[in-house]
N, C-alpha and C. Protein backbone atom coordinates (compact mmCIF):
# COMPACT_ATOMS: atom_id res chain seq x y z
N UNK A 1 7.73 -4.68 -40.41
CA UNK A 1 8.10 -5.87 -39.66
C UNK A 1 7.51 -5.82 -38.26
N UNK A 2 6.98 -6.92 -37.78
CA UNK A 2 6.45 -6.93 -36.42
C UNK A 2 7.57 -6.80 -35.40
N UNK A 3 7.32 -5.94 -34.42
CA UNK A 3 8.30 -5.78 -33.36
C UNK A 3 8.15 -6.86 -32.30
N UNK A 4 6.94 -7.32 -32.11
CA UNK A 4 6.64 -8.32 -31.10
C UNK A 4 6.48 -9.66 -31.78
N UNK A 5 7.48 -10.52 -31.71
CA UNK A 5 7.43 -11.80 -32.40
C UNK A 5 6.80 -12.90 -31.56
N UNK A 6 6.64 -12.71 -30.26
CA UNK A 6 6.04 -13.72 -29.42
C UNK A 6 4.54 -13.48 -29.37
N UNK A 7 3.78 -14.55 -29.51
CA UNK A 7 2.32 -14.44 -29.47
C UNK A 7 1.85 -14.55 -28.03
N UNK A 8 0.93 -13.68 -27.67
CA UNK A 8 0.34 -13.71 -26.35
C UNK A 8 -0.93 -14.53 -26.43
N UNK A 9 -1.06 -15.53 -25.58
CA UNK A 9 -2.24 -16.39 -25.61
C UNK A 9 -3.43 -15.72 -24.95
N UNK A 10 -3.18 -15.09 -23.80
CA UNK A 10 -4.26 -14.43 -23.07
C UNK A 10 -3.81 -13.00 -22.80
N UNK A 11 -4.65 -12.06 -23.16
CA UNK A 11 -4.32 -10.66 -23.01
C UNK A 11 -4.93 -10.13 -21.72
N UNK A 12 -4.12 -9.56 -20.85
CA UNK A 12 -4.62 -8.97 -19.62
C UNK A 12 -5.37 -7.68 -19.94
N UNK A 13 -6.16 -7.23 -19.01
CA UNK A 13 -6.90 -5.98 -19.19
C UNK A 13 -5.93 -4.83 -19.41
N UNK A 14 -4.82 -4.85 -18.72
CA UNK A 14 -3.84 -3.77 -18.85
C UNK A 14 -3.25 -3.75 -20.26
N UNK A 15 -2.91 -4.91 -20.80
CA UNK A 15 -2.35 -4.98 -22.15
C UNK A 15 -3.39 -4.56 -23.19
N UNK A 16 -4.64 -4.98 -22.99
CA UNK A 16 -5.70 -4.57 -23.90
C UNK A 16 -5.86 -3.05 -23.86
N UNK A 17 -5.80 -2.48 -22.67
CA UNK A 17 -5.92 -1.03 -22.52
C UNK A 17 -4.81 -0.32 -23.29
N UNK A 18 -3.60 -0.83 -23.18
CA UNK A 18 -2.48 -0.22 -23.90
C UNK A 18 -2.74 -0.23 -25.42
N UNK A 19 -3.27 -1.33 -25.91
CA UNK A 19 -3.55 -1.46 -27.34
C UNK A 19 -4.67 -0.48 -27.74
N UNK A 20 -5.74 -0.44 -26.95
CA UNK A 20 -6.85 0.45 -27.26
C UNK A 20 -6.41 1.91 -27.22
N UNK A 21 -5.58 2.26 -26.27
CA UNK A 21 -5.08 3.64 -26.20
C UNK A 21 -4.25 3.99 -27.44
N UNK A 22 -3.51 3.03 -27.94
CA UNK A 22 -2.76 3.26 -29.19
C UNK A 22 -3.72 3.54 -30.34
N UNK A 23 -4.81 2.77 -30.39
CA UNK A 23 -5.80 2.97 -31.45
C UNK A 23 -6.47 4.33 -31.32
N UNK A 24 -6.81 4.70 -30.09
CA UNK A 24 -7.48 5.98 -29.85
C UNK A 24 -6.55 7.16 -30.09
N UNK A 25 -5.25 6.93 -29.98
CA UNK A 25 -4.30 8.03 -30.19
C UNK A 25 -3.98 8.24 -31.66
N UNK A 26 -4.53 7.39 -32.53
CA UNK A 26 -4.37 7.64 -33.95
C UNK A 26 -3.62 6.58 -34.73
N UNK A 27 -3.05 5.59 -34.06
CA UNK A 27 -2.38 4.52 -34.82
C UNK A 27 -3.44 3.75 -35.60
N UNK A 28 -3.08 3.31 -36.78
CA UNK A 28 -4.06 2.59 -37.60
C UNK A 28 -4.24 1.18 -37.06
N UNK A 29 -5.47 0.70 -37.20
CA UNK A 29 -5.78 -0.64 -36.72
C UNK A 29 -4.98 -1.67 -37.52
N UNK A 30 -4.71 -1.39 -38.79
CA UNK A 30 -3.92 -2.32 -39.61
C UNK A 30 -2.50 -2.47 -39.04
N UNK A 31 -1.87 -1.34 -38.73
CA UNK A 31 -0.51 -1.38 -38.21
C UNK A 31 -0.44 -2.11 -36.87
N UNK A 32 -1.36 -1.78 -35.99
CA UNK A 32 -1.36 -2.41 -34.66
C UNK A 32 -1.64 -3.90 -34.80
N UNK A 33 -2.58 -4.26 -35.65
CA UNK A 33 -2.93 -5.66 -35.87
C UNK A 33 -1.72 -6.46 -36.35
N UNK A 34 -1.03 -5.91 -37.33
CA UNK A 34 0.15 -6.59 -37.85
C UNK A 34 1.23 -6.73 -36.78
N UNK A 35 1.43 -5.67 -36.02
CA UNK A 35 2.51 -5.67 -35.03
C UNK A 35 2.28 -6.68 -33.92
N UNK A 36 1.05 -6.74 -33.41
CA UNK A 36 0.81 -7.61 -32.24
C UNK A 36 0.21 -8.96 -32.61
N UNK A 37 -0.18 -9.14 -33.87
CA UNK A 37 -0.69 -10.43 -34.31
C UNK A 37 -2.11 -10.73 -33.86
N UNK A 38 -2.93 -9.70 -33.74
CA UNK A 38 -4.33 -9.88 -33.37
C UNK A 38 -5.20 -9.40 -34.54
N UNK A 39 -6.28 -10.13 -34.81
CA UNK A 39 -7.16 -9.79 -35.92
C UNK A 39 -7.77 -8.40 -35.71
N UNK A 40 -8.03 -7.73 -36.82
CA UNK A 40 -8.63 -6.40 -36.78
C UNK A 40 -9.99 -6.44 -36.10
N UNK A 41 -10.76 -7.47 -36.34
CA UNK A 41 -12.09 -7.57 -35.73
C UNK A 41 -11.99 -7.62 -34.21
N UNK A 42 -10.97 -8.32 -33.70
CA UNK A 42 -10.77 -8.42 -32.25
C UNK A 42 -10.37 -7.05 -31.68
N UNK A 43 -9.50 -6.34 -32.39
CA UNK A 43 -9.09 -5.01 -31.94
C UNK A 43 -10.28 -4.05 -31.94
N UNK A 44 -11.12 -4.13 -32.97
CA UNK A 44 -12.33 -3.31 -33.02
C UNK A 44 -13.25 -3.63 -31.84
N UNK A 45 -13.33 -4.91 -31.50
CA UNK A 45 -14.16 -5.35 -30.37
C UNK A 45 -13.62 -4.75 -29.06
N UNK A 46 -12.29 -4.83 -28.85
CA UNK A 46 -11.69 -4.26 -27.64
C UNK A 46 -11.95 -2.77 -27.54
N UNK A 47 -11.82 -2.09 -28.68
CA UNK A 47 -12.03 -0.64 -28.71
C UNK A 47 -13.48 -0.31 -28.37
N UNK A 48 -14.43 -1.04 -28.94
CA UNK A 48 -15.85 -0.81 -28.67
C UNK A 48 -16.16 -1.07 -27.20
N UNK A 49 -15.62 -2.16 -26.64
CA UNK A 49 -15.84 -2.47 -25.23
C UNK A 49 -15.29 -1.36 -24.33
N UNK A 50 -14.13 -0.84 -24.68
CA UNK A 50 -13.53 0.22 -23.89
C UNK A 50 -14.39 1.48 -23.92
N UNK A 51 -14.85 1.84 -25.10
CA UNK A 51 -15.68 3.03 -25.23
C UNK A 51 -17.01 2.84 -24.50
N UNK A 52 -17.60 1.65 -24.61
CA UNK A 52 -18.85 1.36 -23.90
C UNK A 52 -18.65 1.46 -22.39
N UNK A 53 -17.51 0.96 -21.91
CA UNK A 53 -17.22 1.02 -20.48
C UNK A 53 -17.05 2.45 -20.00
N UNK A 54 -16.40 3.25 -20.80
CA UNK A 54 -16.22 4.66 -20.44
C UNK A 54 -17.58 5.36 -20.39
N UNK A 55 -18.41 5.12 -21.42
CA UNK A 55 -19.74 5.73 -21.45
C UNK A 55 -20.56 5.31 -20.24
N UNK A 56 -20.52 4.02 -19.91
CA UNK A 56 -21.29 3.52 -18.77
C UNK A 56 -20.82 4.18 -17.47
N UNK A 57 -19.53 4.35 -17.34
CA UNK A 57 -18.99 4.96 -16.12
C UNK A 57 -19.42 6.41 -15.99
N UNK A 58 -19.48 7.12 -17.11
CA UNK A 58 -19.92 8.52 -17.08
C UNK A 58 -21.41 8.64 -16.76
N UNK A 59 -22.17 7.61 -17.03
CA UNK A 59 -23.60 7.64 -16.76
C UNK A 59 -23.93 7.37 -15.29
N UNK A 60 -23.01 6.79 -14.55
CA UNK A 60 -23.25 6.45 -13.16
C UNK A 60 -23.37 7.73 -12.34
N UNK A 61 -24.41 7.80 -11.57
CA UNK A 61 -24.62 8.97 -10.71
C UNK A 61 -24.48 8.53 -9.26
N UNK A 62 -23.75 9.29 -8.53
CA UNK A 62 -23.55 8.98 -7.12
C UNK A 62 -24.40 9.93 -6.29
N UNK A 63 -25.73 9.73 -6.35
CA UNK A 63 -26.64 10.61 -5.62
C UNK A 63 -27.02 10.04 -4.26
N UNK A 64 -26.64 8.82 -3.99
CA UNK A 64 -26.96 8.19 -2.72
C UNK A 64 -26.01 8.71 -1.64
N UNK A 65 -26.52 9.47 -0.66
CA UNK A 65 -25.64 10.00 0.38
C UNK A 65 -25.00 8.90 1.21
N UNK A 66 -25.63 7.74 1.25
CA UNK A 66 -25.04 6.63 2.01
C UNK A 66 -23.76 6.15 1.36
N UNK A 67 -23.65 6.31 0.04
CA UNK A 67 -22.44 5.89 -0.67
C UNK A 67 -21.23 6.69 -0.22
N UNK A 68 -21.39 8.01 -0.11
CA UNK A 68 -20.30 8.87 0.34
C UNK A 68 -19.96 8.57 1.80
N UNK A 69 -20.98 8.34 2.60
CA UNK A 69 -20.76 8.02 4.02
C UNK A 69 -20.03 6.69 4.16
N UNK A 70 -20.44 5.72 3.35
CA UNK A 70 -19.80 4.41 3.37
C UNK A 70 -18.34 4.52 2.95
N UNK A 71 -18.07 5.33 1.94
CA UNK A 71 -16.71 5.54 1.47
C UNK A 71 -15.84 6.14 2.59
N UNK A 72 -16.37 7.14 3.27
CA UNK A 72 -15.63 7.75 4.39
C UNK A 72 -15.40 6.74 5.51
N UNK A 73 -16.41 5.94 5.80
CA UNK A 73 -16.28 4.93 6.85
C UNK A 73 -15.21 3.90 6.50
N UNK A 74 -15.20 3.46 5.24
CA UNK A 74 -14.18 2.49 4.81
C UNK A 74 -12.79 3.09 4.90
N UNK A 75 -12.67 4.35 4.55
CA UNK A 75 -11.38 5.02 4.64
C UNK A 75 -10.91 5.09 6.10
N UNK A 76 -11.83 5.43 6.97
CA UNK A 76 -11.48 5.53 8.39
C UNK A 76 -11.10 4.15 8.94
N UNK A 77 -11.83 3.12 8.55
CA UNK A 77 -11.50 1.76 8.99
C UNK A 77 -10.11 1.38 8.52
N UNK A 78 -9.78 1.72 7.28
CA UNK A 78 -8.45 1.43 6.76
C UNK A 78 -7.37 2.14 7.54
N UNK A 79 -7.61 3.41 7.86
CA UNK A 79 -6.62 4.18 8.62
C UNK A 79 -6.45 3.60 10.02
N UNK A 80 -7.56 3.25 10.67
CA UNK A 80 -7.48 2.67 12.03
C UNK A 80 -6.81 1.30 12.00
N UNK A 81 -7.08 0.51 10.98
CA UNK A 81 -6.43 -0.80 10.86
C UNK A 81 -4.93 -0.64 10.71
N UNK A 82 -4.51 0.32 9.89
CA UNK A 82 -3.09 0.57 9.71
C UNK A 82 -2.45 1.04 11.01
N UNK A 83 -3.13 1.93 11.71
CA UNK A 83 -2.61 2.43 12.99
C UNK A 83 -2.47 1.29 13.99
N UNK A 84 -3.47 0.41 14.05
CA UNK A 84 -3.40 -0.75 14.95
C UNK A 84 -2.23 -1.65 14.60
N UNK A 85 -2.03 -1.88 13.33
CA UNK A 85 -0.92 -2.74 12.90
C UNK A 85 0.43 -2.12 13.29
N UNK A 86 0.55 -0.82 13.10
CA UNK A 86 1.80 -0.14 13.48
C UNK A 86 2.03 -0.21 14.98
N UNK A 87 0.97 -0.04 15.75
CA UNK A 87 1.09 -0.14 17.21
C UNK A 87 1.47 -1.56 17.63
N UNK A 88 0.89 -2.57 16.99
CA UNK A 88 1.25 -3.96 17.30
C UNK A 88 2.73 -4.21 17.03
N UNK A 89 3.22 -3.69 15.90
CA UNK A 89 4.64 -3.85 15.57
C UNK A 89 5.52 -3.15 16.60
N UNK A 90 5.13 -1.98 17.04
CA UNK A 90 5.91 -1.25 18.04
C UNK A 90 5.94 -2.02 19.36
N UNK A 91 4.82 -2.62 19.73
CA UNK A 91 4.75 -3.40 20.97
C UNK A 91 5.67 -4.62 20.87
N UNK A 92 5.68 -5.28 19.72
CA UNK A 92 6.54 -6.45 19.53
C UNK A 92 8.01 -6.08 19.70
N UNK A 93 8.39 -4.93 19.18
CA UNK A 93 9.77 -4.49 19.26
C UNK A 93 10.17 -4.09 20.67
N UNK A 94 9.24 -3.48 21.40
CA UNK A 94 9.55 -2.97 22.73
C UNK A 94 9.31 -4.00 23.83
N UNK A 95 8.63 -5.05 23.55
CA UNK A 95 8.31 -6.03 24.57
C UNK A 95 6.95 -5.71 25.19
N UNK A 96 6.61 -6.44 26.25
CA UNK A 96 5.29 -6.23 26.86
C UNK A 96 5.16 -4.82 27.44
N UNK A 97 3.94 -4.37 27.52
CA UNK A 97 3.68 -3.04 28.08
C UNK A 97 3.96 -3.06 29.59
N UNK A 98 4.61 -2.05 30.06
CA UNK A 98 4.91 -1.92 31.48
C UNK A 98 4.34 -0.58 31.93
N UNK A 99 3.53 -0.66 32.98
CA UNK A 99 2.95 0.58 33.50
C UNK A 99 3.99 1.29 34.35
N UNK A 100 4.20 2.55 34.09
CA UNK A 100 5.16 3.33 34.83
C UNK A 100 4.42 4.46 35.51
N UNK A 101 4.67 4.61 36.80
CA UNK A 101 4.00 5.68 37.54
C UNK A 101 4.75 6.98 37.31
N UNK A 102 3.98 8.03 37.19
CA UNK A 102 4.63 9.33 37.05
C UNK A 102 5.08 9.81 38.41
N UNK A 103 6.17 10.57 38.45
CA UNK A 103 6.73 11.03 39.73
C UNK A 103 6.27 12.41 40.05
């Protein structure tokens, strides 16, 4: 008996991933097809696309030193943006900046 009686019109990438992982973990395509109400050919297509995507990702080489530098720069920009936002919030809570002379 199907556990999922509601039909999904559009499958998100996350839901497709869950289905493909079930297939890759050993569940039969017949059982999954019956349970979720998707044709076997469509499930086979999702599985092939997932495997192709994994293969393509493994083939990507990150030999460009600018890529690593760009990644570090983006990370630093993110950290500085967060720090600026936190400082702005602190200023709002404390009111305008007042210069105090040291004694």
